[in-house]
Amino acid sequence: MPKYVIERELPGAGKLSGAELQAISEKSNKVLGELGPDIRWLQSYVTDDKIYCVYVAPDKDIIEEHARCGGFPANSISQVSAVIDPSTGE
């Protein structure tokens, strides 16, 4: 199944408290449960003003639906074409 990186512009994201991040995660998990097993959230990276999320899903449409239902921004959704790490260069 394709993997996607979602860029979510959220000013002040890096200053969100643990409780706020927990609430966002809880809402995301609730919506994921409602959408069914075809979409999975793998992890997210919180920066100063953005959150970058990695999802596995059959297409962009279900990711957009997750964002709409959860009230999350999805400013950019990019399909991952390859994954590299330091071992790729060996």
PDB file of N, CA and C in Angstrom:
ATOM      1  N   MET A   1       0.850  -1.179   0.000  1.00  0.00           N
ATOM      2  CA  MET A   1       0.000   0.000   0.000  1.00  0.00           C
ATOM      3  C   MET A   1       0.895   1.242   0.000  1.00  0.00           C
ATOM      4  N   PRO A   2       0.504   2.289  -0.706  1.00  0.00           N
ATOM      5  CA  PRO A   2       1.323   3.501  -0.787  1.00  0.00           C
ATOM      6  C   PRO A   2       1.501   4.185   0.568  1.00  0.00           C
ATOM      7  N   LYS A   3       2.633   4.845   0.698  1.00  0.00           N
ATOM      8  CA  LYS A   3       2.950   5.624   1.893  1.00  0.00           C
ATOM      9  C   LYS A   3       2.921   7.092   1.492  1.00  0.00           C
ATOM     10  N   TYR A   4       2.428   7.938   2.388  1.00  0.00           N
ATOM     11  CA  TYR A   4       2.307   9.365   2.119  1.00  0.00           C
ATOM     12  C   TYR A   4       2.897  10.179   3.263  1.00  0.00           C
ATOM     13  N   VAL A   5       3.424  11.359   2.911  1.00  0.00           N
ATOM     14  CA  VAL A   5       3.840  12.349   3.895  1.00  0.00           C
ATOM     15  C   VAL A   5       2.866  13.518   3.767  1.00  0.00           C
ATOM     16  N   ILE A   6       2.279  13.890   4.896  1.00  0.00           N
ATOM     17  CA  ILE A   6       1.319  14.990   4.928  1.00  0.00           C
ATOM     18  C   ILE A   6       1.950  16.146   5.690  1.00  0.00           C
ATOM     19  N   GLU A   7       1.949  17.308   5.067  1.00  0.00           N
ATOM     20  CA  GLU A   7       2.444  18.522   5.710  1.00  0.00           C
ATOM     21  C   GLU A   7       1.241  19.291   6.233  1.00  0.00           C
ATOM     22  N   ARG A   8       1.244  19.513   7.536  1.00  0.00           N
ATOM     23  CA  ARG A   8       0.145  20.238   8.174  1.00  0.00           C
ATOM     24  C   ARG A   8       0.693  21.539   8.769  1.00  0.00           C
ATOM     25  N   GLU A   9       0.290  22.665   8.203  1.00  0.00           N
ATOM     26  CA  GLU A   9       0.724  23.956   8.737  1.00  0.00           C
ATOM     27  C   GLU A   9      -0.090  24.252   9.994  1.00  0.00           C
ATOM     28  N   LEU A  10       0.614  24.387  11.102  1.00  0.00           N
ATOM     29  CA  LEU A  10      -0.024  24.629  12.388  1.00  0.00           C
ATOM     30  C   LEU A  10       0.879  25.565  13.191  1.00  0.00           C
ATOM     31  N   PRO A  11       0.681  26.892  13.024  1.00  0.00           N
ATOM     32  CA  PRO A  11       1.529  27.851  13.728  1.00  0.00           C
ATOM     33  C   PRO A  11       1.593  27.545  15.224  1.00  0.00           C
ATOM     34  N   GLY A  12       2.803  27.515  15.754  1.00  0.00           N
ATOM     35  CA  GLY A  12       2.996  27.236  17.165  1.00  0.00           C
ATOM     36  C   GLY A  12       2.984  25.756  17.518  1.00  0.00           C
ATOM     37  N   ALA A  13       3.018  24.888  16.529  1.00  0.00           N
ATOM     38  CA  ALA A  13       2.952  23.442  16.784  1.00  0.00           C
ATOM     39  C   ALA A  13       4.020  22.994  17.769  1.00  0.00           C
ATOM     40  N   GLY A  14       5.210  23.558  17.658  1.00  0.00           N
ATOM     41  CA  GLY A  14       6.303  23.162  18.530  1.00  0.00           C
ATOM     42  C   GLY A  14       6.109  23.554  19.981  1.00  0.00           C
ATOM     43  N   LYS A  15       5.140  24.406  20.235  1.00  0.00           N
ATOM     44  CA  LYS A  15       4.860  24.842  21.607  1.00  0.00           C
ATOM     45  C   LYS A  15       3.639  24.152  22.205  1.00  0.00           C
ATOM     46  N   LEU A  16       3.051  23.214  21.461  1.00  0.00           N
ATOM     47  CA  LEU A  16       1.897  22.489  21.987  1.00  0.00           C
ATOM     48  C   LEU A  16       2.326  21.659  23.196  1.00  0.00           C
ATOM     49  N   SER A  17       1.472  21.623  24.184  1.00  0.00           N
ATOM     50  CA  SER A  17       1.769  20.850  25.396  1.00  0.00           C
ATOM     51  C   SER A  17       1.559  19.362  25.126  1.00  0.00           C
ATOM     52  N   GLY A  18       2.048  18.552  26.022  1.00  0.00           N
ATOM     53  CA  GLY A  18       1.823  17.114  25.925  1.00  0.00           C
ATOM     54  C   GLY A  18       0.345  16.785  25.900  1.00  0.00           C
ATOM     55  N   ALA A  19      -0.440  17.486  26.697  1.00  0.00           N
ATOM     56  CA  ALA A  19      -1.887  17.256  26.731  1.00  0.00           C
ATOM     57  C   ALA A  19      -2.543  17.634  25.404  1.00  0.00           C
ATOM     58  N   GLU A  20      -2.076  18.720  24.796  1.00  0.00           N
ATOM     59  CA  GLU A  20      -2.630  19.134  23.505  1.00  0.00           C
ATOM     60  C   GLU A  20      -2.271  18.134  22.416  1.00  0.00           C
ATOM     61  N   LEU A  21      -1.046  17.662  22.421  1.00  0.00           N
ATOM     62  CA  LEU A  21      -0.640  16.649  21.438  1.00  0.00           C
ATOM     63  C   LEU A  21      -1.415  15.352  21.653  1.00  0.00           C
ATOM     64  N   GLN A  22      -1.665  15.010  22.898  1.00  0.00           N
ATOM     65  CA  GLN A  22      -2.447  13.812  23.197  1.00  0.00           C
ATOM     66  C   GLN A  22      -3.866  13.956  22.665  1.00  0.00           C
ATOM     67  N   ALA A  23      -4.464  15.131  22.833  1.00  0.00           N
ATOM     68  CA  ALA A  23      -5.831  15.371  22.361  1.00  0.00           C
ATOM     69  C   ALA A  23      -5.902  15.300  20.836  1.00  0.00           C
ATOM     70  N   ILE A  24      -4.906  15.865  20.157  1.00  0.00           N
ATOM     71  CA  ILE A  24      -4.861  15.796  18.689  1.00  0.00           C
ATOM     72  C   ILE A  24      -4.733  14.340  18.249  1.00  0.00           C
ATOM     73  N   SER A  25      -3.868  13.596  18.916  1.00  0.00           N
ATOM     74  CA  SER A  25      -3.665  12.183  18.571  1.00  0.00           C
ATOM     75  C   SER A  25      -4.933  11.367  18.815  1.00  0.00           C
ATOM     76  N   GLU A  26      -5.596  11.654  19.913  1.00  0.00           N
ATOM     77  CA  GLU A  26      -6.843  10.948  20.238  1.00  0.00           C
ATOM     78  C   GLU A  26      -7.899  11.194  19.165  1.00  0.00           C
ATOM     79  N   LYS A  27      -8.038  12.447  18.737  1.00  0.00           N
ATOM     80  CA  LYS A  27      -9.005  12.785  17.688  1.00  0.00           C
ATOM     81  C   LYS A  27      -8.645  12.071  16.387  1.00  0.00           C
ATOM     82  N   SER A  28      -7.360  12.079  16.036  1.00  0.00           N
ATOM     83  CA  SER A  28      -6.920  11.403  14.823  1.00  0.00           C
ATOM     84  C   SER A  28      -7.236   9.913  14.882  1.00  0.00           C
ATOM     85  N   ASN A  29      -6.942   9.284  16.019  1.00  0.00           N
ATOM     86  CA  ASN A  29      -7.222   7.849  16.171  1.00  0.00           C
ATOM     87  C   ASN A  29      -8.704   7.544  16.060  1.00  0.00           C
ATOM     88  N   LYS A  30      -9.537   8.422  16.598  1.00  0.00           N
ATOM     89  CA  LYS A  30     -10.992   8.234  16.516  1.00  0.00           C
ATOM     90  C   LYS A  30     -11.452   8.251  15.060  1.00  0.00           C
ATOM     91  N   VAL A  31     -10.981   9.231  14.315  1.00  0.00           N
ATOM     92  CA  VAL A  31     -11.365   9.341  12.910  1.00  0.00           C
ATOM     93  C   VAL A  31     -10.825   8.148  12.112  1.00  0.00           C
ATOM     94  N   LEU A  32      -9.587   7.748  12.390  1.00  0.00           N
ATOM     95  CA  LEU A  32      -9.023   6.580  11.714  1.00  0.00           C
ATOM     96  C   LEU A  32      -9.882   5.349  11.962  1.00  0.00           C
ATOM     97  N   GLY A  33     -10.342   5.167  13.196  1.00  0.00           N
ATOM     98  CA  GLY A  33     -11.201   4.033  13.523  1.00  0.00           C
ATOM     99  C   GLY A  33     -12.506   4.061  12.748  1.00  0.00           C
ATOM    100  N   GLU A  34     -13.034   5.252  12.526  1.00  0.00           N
ATOM    101  CA  GLU A  34     -14.283   5.399  11.775  1.00  0.00           C
ATOM    102  C   GLU A  34     -14.075   5.138  10.279  1.00  0.00           C
ATOM    103  N   LEU A  35     -12.882   5.459   9.771  1.00  0.00           N
ATOM    104  CA  LEU A  35     -12.607   5.279   8.339  1.00  0.00           C
ATOM    105  C   LEU A  35     -12.268   3.836   7.985  1.00  0.00           C
ATOM    106  N   GLY A  36     -11.874   3.047   8.960  1.00  0.00           N
ATOM    107  CA  GLY A  36     -11.605   1.634   8.712  1.00  0.00           C
ATOM    108  C   GLY A  36     -10.135   1.325   8.543  1.00  0.00           C
ATOM    109  N   PRO A  37      -9.836   0.059   8.239  1.00  0.00           N
ATOM    110  CA  PRO A  37      -8.453  -0.426   8.254  1.00  0.00           C
ATOM    111  C   PRO A  37      -7.599  -0.034   7.048  1.00  0.00           C
ATOM    112  N   ASP A  38      -8.163   0.636   6.070  1.00  0.00           N
ATOM    113  CA  ASP A  38      -7.396   0.963   4.864  1.00  0.00           C
ATOM    114  C   ASP A  38      -6.410   2.109   5.065  1.00  0.00           C
ATOM    115  N   ILE A  39      -6.544   2.857   6.145  1.00  0.00           N
ATOM    116  CA  ILE A  39      -5.643   3.988   6.390  1.00  0.00           C
ATOM    117  C   ILE A  39      -4.999   3.797   7.759  1.00  0.00           C
ATOM    118  N   ARG A  40      -3.660   3.982   7.793  1.00  0.00           N
ATOM    119  CA  ARG A  40      -2.925   3.838   9.047  1.00  0.00           C
ATOM    120  C   ARG A  40      -1.966   5.004   9.225  1.00  0.00           C
ATOM    121  N   TRP A  41      -1.916   5.512  10.416  1.00  0.00           N
ATOM    122  CA  TRP A  41      -0.989   6.574  10.793  1.00  0.00           C
ATOM    123  C   TRP A  41       0.242   5.900  11.370  1.00  0.00           C
ATOM    124  N   LEU A  42       1.406   6.181  10.793  1.00  0.00           N
ATOM    125  CA  LEU A  42       2.638   5.559  11.261  1.00  0.00           C
ATOM    126  C   LEU A  42       3.339   6.410  12.309  1.00  0.00           C
ATOM    127  N   GLN A  43       3.535   7.696  12.018  1.00  0.00           N
ATOM    128  CA  GLN A  43       4.164   8.589  12.973  1.00  0.00           C
ATOM    129  C   GLN A  43       4.095  10.017  12.459  1.00  0.00           C
ATOM    130  N   SER A  44       4.414  10.952  13.356  1.00  0.00           N
ATOM    131  CA  SER A  44       4.425  12.364  12.990  1.00  0.00           C
ATOM    132  C   SER A  44       5.634  13.047  13.607  1.00  0.00           C
ATOM    133  N   TYR A  45       6.072  14.117  12.941  1.00  0.00           N
ATOM    134  CA  TYR A  45       7.193  14.926  13.390  1.00  0.00           C
ATOM    135  C   TYR A  45       6.672  16.335  13.617  1.00  0.00           C
ATOM    136  N   VAL A  46       6.834  16.833  14.830  1.00  0.00           N
ATOM    137  CA  VAL A  46       6.359  18.168  15.179  1.00  0.00           C
ATOM    138  C   VAL A  46       7.532  19.137  15.090  1.00  0.00           C
ATOM    139  N   THR A  47       7.357  20.207  14.304  1.00  0.00           N
ATOM    140  CA  THR A  47       8.360  21.256  14.199  1.00  0.00           C
ATOM    141  C   THR A  47       7.742  22.551  14.732  1.00  0.00           C
ATOM    142  N   ASP A  48       8.462  23.643  14.616  1.00  0.00           N
ATOM    143  CA  ASP A  48       7.964  24.903  15.173  1.00  0.00           C
ATOM    144  C   ASP A  48       6.556  25.247  14.706  1.00  0.00           C
ATOM    145  N   ASP A  49       6.311  25.201  13.398  1.00  0.00           N
ATOM    146  CA  ASP A  49       5.031  25.651  12.852  1.00  0.00           C
ATOM    147  C   ASP A  49       4.354  24.640  11.935  1.00  0.00           C
ATOM    148  N   LYS A  50       4.828  23.396  11.949  1.00  0.00           N
ATOM    149  CA  LYS A  50       4.231  22.373  11.088  1.00  0.00           C
ATOM    150  C   LYS A  50       4.305  21.020  11.777  1.00  0.00           C
ATOM    151  N   ILE A  51       3.417  20.142  11.335  1.00  0.00           N
ATOM    152  CA  ILE A  51       3.485  18.744  11.724  1.00  0.00           C
ATOM    153  C   ILE A  51       3.540  17.945  10.431  1.00  0.00           C
ATOM    154  N   TYR A  52       4.522  17.057  10.334  1.00  0.00           N
ATOM    155  CA  TYR A  52       4.687  16.182   9.181  1.00  0.00           C
ATOM    156  C   TYR A  52       4.265  14.786   9.603  1.00  0.00           C
ATOM    157  N   CYS A  53       3.249  14.253   8.935  1.00  0.00           N
ATOM    158  CA  CYS A  53       2.692  12.960   9.301  1.00  0.00           C
ATOM    159  C   CYS A  53       2.969  11.941   8.204  1.00  0.00           C
ATOM    160  N   VAL A  54       3.223  10.713   8.605  1.00  0.00           N
ATOM    161  CA  VAL A  54       3.451   9.620   7.668  1.00  0.00           C
ATOM    162  C   VAL A  54       2.277   8.651   7.808  1.00  0.00           C
ATOM    163  N   TYR A  55       1.628   8.404   6.686  1.00  0.00           N
ATOM    164  CA  TYR A  55       0.458   7.523   6.650  1.00  0.00           C
ATOM    165  C   TYR A  55       0.639   6.472   5.563  1.00  0.00           C
ATOM    166  N   VAL A  56      -0.037   5.356   5.737  1.00  0.00           N
ATOM    167  CA  VAL A  56      -0.174   4.342   4.707  1.00  0.00           C
ATOM    168  C   VAL A  56      -1.657   4.330   4.343  1.00  0.00           C
ATOM    169  N   ALA A  57      -1.946   4.460   3.058  1.00  0.00           N
ATOM    170  CA  ALA A  57      -3.337   4.530   2.605  1.00  0.00           C
ATOM    171  C   ALA A  57      -3.408   4.153   1.132  1.00  0.00           C
ATOM    172  N   PRO A  58      -4.573   3.735   0.679  1.00  0.00           N
ATOM    173  CA  PRO A  58      -4.695   3.357  -0.729  1.00  0.00           C
ATOM    174  C   PRO A  58      -4.598   4.541  -1.691  1.00  0.00           C
ATOM    175  N   ASP A  59      -4.975   5.748  -1.218  1.00  0.00           N
ATOM    176  CA  ASP A  59      -4.938   6.926  -2.091  1.00  0.00           C
ATOM    177  C   ASP A  59      -5.039   8.200  -1.260  1.00  0.00           C
ATOM    178  N   LYS A  60      -4.868   9.328  -1.929  1.00  0.00           N
ATOM    179  CA  LYS A  60      -4.925  10.636  -1.256  1.00  0.00           C
ATOM    180  C   LYS A  60      -6.328  10.960  -0.753  1.00  0.00           C
ATOM    181  N   ASP A  61      -7.340  10.436  -1.435  1.00  0.00           N
ATOM    182  CA  ASP A  61      -8.717  10.786  -1.078  1.00  0.00           C
ATOM    183  C   ASP A  61      -9.051  10.456   0.370  1.00  0.00           C
ATOM    184  N   ILE A  62      -8.631   9.279   0.834  1.00  0.00           N
ATOM    185  CA  ILE A  62      -8.956   8.892   2.204  1.00  0.00           C
ATOM    186  C   ILE A  62      -8.155   9.731   3.205  1.00  0.00           C
ATOM    187  N   ILE A  63      -6.972  10.165   2.829  1.00  0.00           N
ATOM    188  CA  ILE A  63      -6.190  11.057   3.692  1.00  0.00           C
ATOM    189  C   ILE A  63      -6.879  12.416   3.787  1.00  0.00           C
ATOM    190  N   GLU A  64      -7.391  12.906   2.670  1.00  0.00           N
ATOM    191  CA  GLU A  64      -8.136  14.164   2.678  1.00  0.00           C
ATOM    192  C   GLU A  64      -9.406  14.034   3.513  1.00  0.00           C
ATOM    193  N   GLU A  65     -10.061  12.879   3.450  1.00  0.00           N
ATOM    194  CA  GLU A  65     -11.266  12.644   4.250  1.00  0.00           C
ATOM    195  C   GLU A  65     -10.919  12.627   5.739  1.00  0.00           C
ATOM    196  N   HIS A  66      -9.811  12.013   6.092  1.00  0.00           N
ATOM    197  CA  HIS A  66      -9.358  12.003   7.486  1.00  0.00           C
ATOM    198  C   HIS A  66      -9.140  13.435   7.975  1.00  0.00           C
ATOM    199  N   ALA A  67      -8.475  14.246   7.160  1.00  0.00           N
ATOM    200  CA  ALA A  67      -8.220  15.641   7.532  1.00  0.00           C
ATOM    201  C   ALA A  67      -9.530  16.410   7.698  1.00  0.00           C
ATOM    202  N   ARG A  68     -10.453  16.204   6.772  1.00  0.00           N
ATOM    203  CA  ARG A  68     -11.741  16.901   6.826  1.00  0.00           C
ATOM    204  C   ARG A  68     -12.522  16.497   8.077  1.00  0.00           C
ATOM    205  N   CYS A  69     -12.629  15.210   8.324  1.00  0.00           N
ATOM    206  CA  CYS A  69     -13.399  14.725   9.475  1.00  0.00           C
ATOM    207  C   CYS A  69     -12.760  15.117  10.803  1.00  0.00           C
ATOM    208  N   GLY A  70     -11.441  15.171  10.835  1.00  0.00           N
ATOM    209  CA  GLY A  70     -10.753  15.508  12.074  1.00  0.00           C
ATOM    210  C   GLY A  70     -10.550  16.989  12.292  1.00  0.00           C
ATOM    211  N   GLY A  71     -10.781  17.779  11.245  1.00  0.00           N
ATOM    212  CA  GLY A  71     -10.553  19.211  11.340  1.00  0.00           C
ATOM    213  C   GLY A  71      -9.074  19.561  11.315  1.00  0.00           C
ATOM    214  N   PHE A  72      -8.278  18.693  10.679  1.00  0.00           N
ATOM    215  CA  PHE A  72      -6.835  18.905  10.588  1.00  0.00           C
ATOM    216  C   PHE A  72      -6.481  19.528   9.248  1.00  0.00           C
ATOM    217  N   PRO A  73      -5.496  20.422   9.203  1.00  0.00           N
ATOM    218  CA  PRO A  73      -5.035  20.896   7.897  1.00  0.00           C
ATOM    219  C   PRO A  73      -4.262  19.775   7.187  1.00  0.00           C
ATOM    220  N   ALA A  74      -4.329  19.777   5.894  1.00  0.00           N
ATOM    221  CA  ALA A  74      -3.515  18.873   5.066  1.00  0.00           C
ATOM    222  C   ALA A  74      -3.048  19.715   3.894  1.00  0.00           C
ATOM    223  N   ASN A  75      -2.065  20.569   4.149  1.00  0.00           N
ATOM    224  CA  ASN A  75      -1.624  21.537   3.164  1.00  0.00           C
ATOM    225  C   ASN A  75      -0.925  20.902   1.975  1.00  0.00           C
ATOM    226  N   SER A  76      -0.291  19.765   2.207  1.00  0.00           N
ATOM    227  CA  SER A  76       0.395  19.057   1.135  1.00  0.00           C
ATOM    228  C   SER A  76       0.360  17.570   1.453  1.00  0.00           C
ATOM    229  N   ILE A  77       0.013  16.771   0.448  1.00  0.00           N
ATOM    230  CA  ILE A  77       0.015  15.311   0.580  1.00  0.00           C
ATOM    231  C   ILE A  77       0.876  14.776  -0.548  1.00  0.00           C
ATOM    232  N   SER A  78       1.982  14.131  -0.194  1.00  0.00           N
ATOM    233  CA  SER A  78       2.924  13.630  -1.196  1.00  0.00           C
ATOM    234  C   SER A  78       3.116  12.136  -1.029  1.00  0.00           C
ATOM    235  N   GLN A  79       2.987  11.408  -2.142  1.00  0.00           N
ATOM    236  CA  GLN A  79       3.242   9.975  -2.095  1.00  0.00           C
ATOM    237  C   GLN A  79       4.745   9.726  -2.058  1.00  0.00           C
ATOM    238  N   VAL A  80       5.161   8.835  -1.192  1.00  0.00           N
ATOM    239  CA  VAL A  80       6.577   8.486  -1.062  1.00  0.00           C
ATOM    240  C   VAL A  80       6.943   7.536  -2.198  1.00  0.00           C
ATOM    241  N   SER A  81       7.993   7.885  -2.930  1.00  0.00           N
ATOM    242  CA  SER A  81       8.407   7.019  -4.042  1.00  0.00           C
ATOM    243  C   SER A  81       9.555   6.100  -3.641  1.00  0.00           C
ATOM    244  N   ALA A  82      10.303   6.469  -2.606  1.00  0.00           N
ATOM    245  CA  ALA A  82      11.393   5.629  -2.119  1.00  0.00           C
ATOM    246  C   ALA A  82      11.751   6.074  -0.712  1.00  0.00           C
ATOM    247  N   VAL A  83      12.324   5.175   0.050  1.00  0.00           N
ATOM    248  CA  VAL A  83      12.818   5.486   1.382  1.00  0.00           C
ATOM    249  C   VAL A  83      14.306   5.157   1.384  1.00  0.00           C
ATOM    250  N   ILE A  84      15.103   6.126   1.842  1.00  0.00           N
ATOM    251  CA  ILE A  84      16.540   5.903   1.936  1.00  0.00           C
ATOM    252  C   ILE A  84      16.997   6.222   3.356  1.00  0.00           C
ATOM    253  N   ASP A  85      18.111   5.670   3.736  1.00  0.00           N
ATOM    254  CA  ASP A  85      18.747   5.943   5.003  1.00  0.00           C
ATOM    255  C   ASP A  85      20.249   5.746   4.839  1.00  0.00           C
ATOM    256  N   PRO A  86      21.034   5.898   5.892  1.00  0.00           N
ATOM    257  CA  PRO A  86      22.475   5.779   5.724  1.00  0.00           C
ATOM    258  C   PRO A  86      22.912   4.451   5.098  1.00  0.00           C
ATOM    259  N   SER A  87      22.187   3.378   5.359  1.00  0.00           N
ATOM    260  CA  SER A  87      22.587   2.091   4.781  1.00  0.00           C
ATOM    261  C   SER A  87      22.420   2.046   3.259  1.00  0.00           C
ATOM    262  N   THR A  88      21.627   2.950   2.692  1.00  0.00           N
ATOM    263  CA  THR A  88      21.456   3.009   1.250  1.00  0.00           C
ATOM    264  C   THR A  88      22.783   3.325   0.575  1.00  0.00           C
ATOM    265  N   GLY A  89      23.638   4.089   1.244  1.00  0.00           N
ATOM    266  CA  GLY A  89      24.917   4.499   0.672  1.00  0.00           C
ATOM    267  C   GLY A  89      26.028   3.493   0.867  1.00  0.00           C
ATOM    268  N   GLU A  90      25.753   2.378   1.486  1.00  0.00           N
ATOM    269  CA  GLU A  90      26.793   1.384   1.736  1.00  0.00           C
ATOM    270  C   GLU A  90      26.967   0.436   0.566  1.00  0.00           C
TER     271      GLU A  90
END
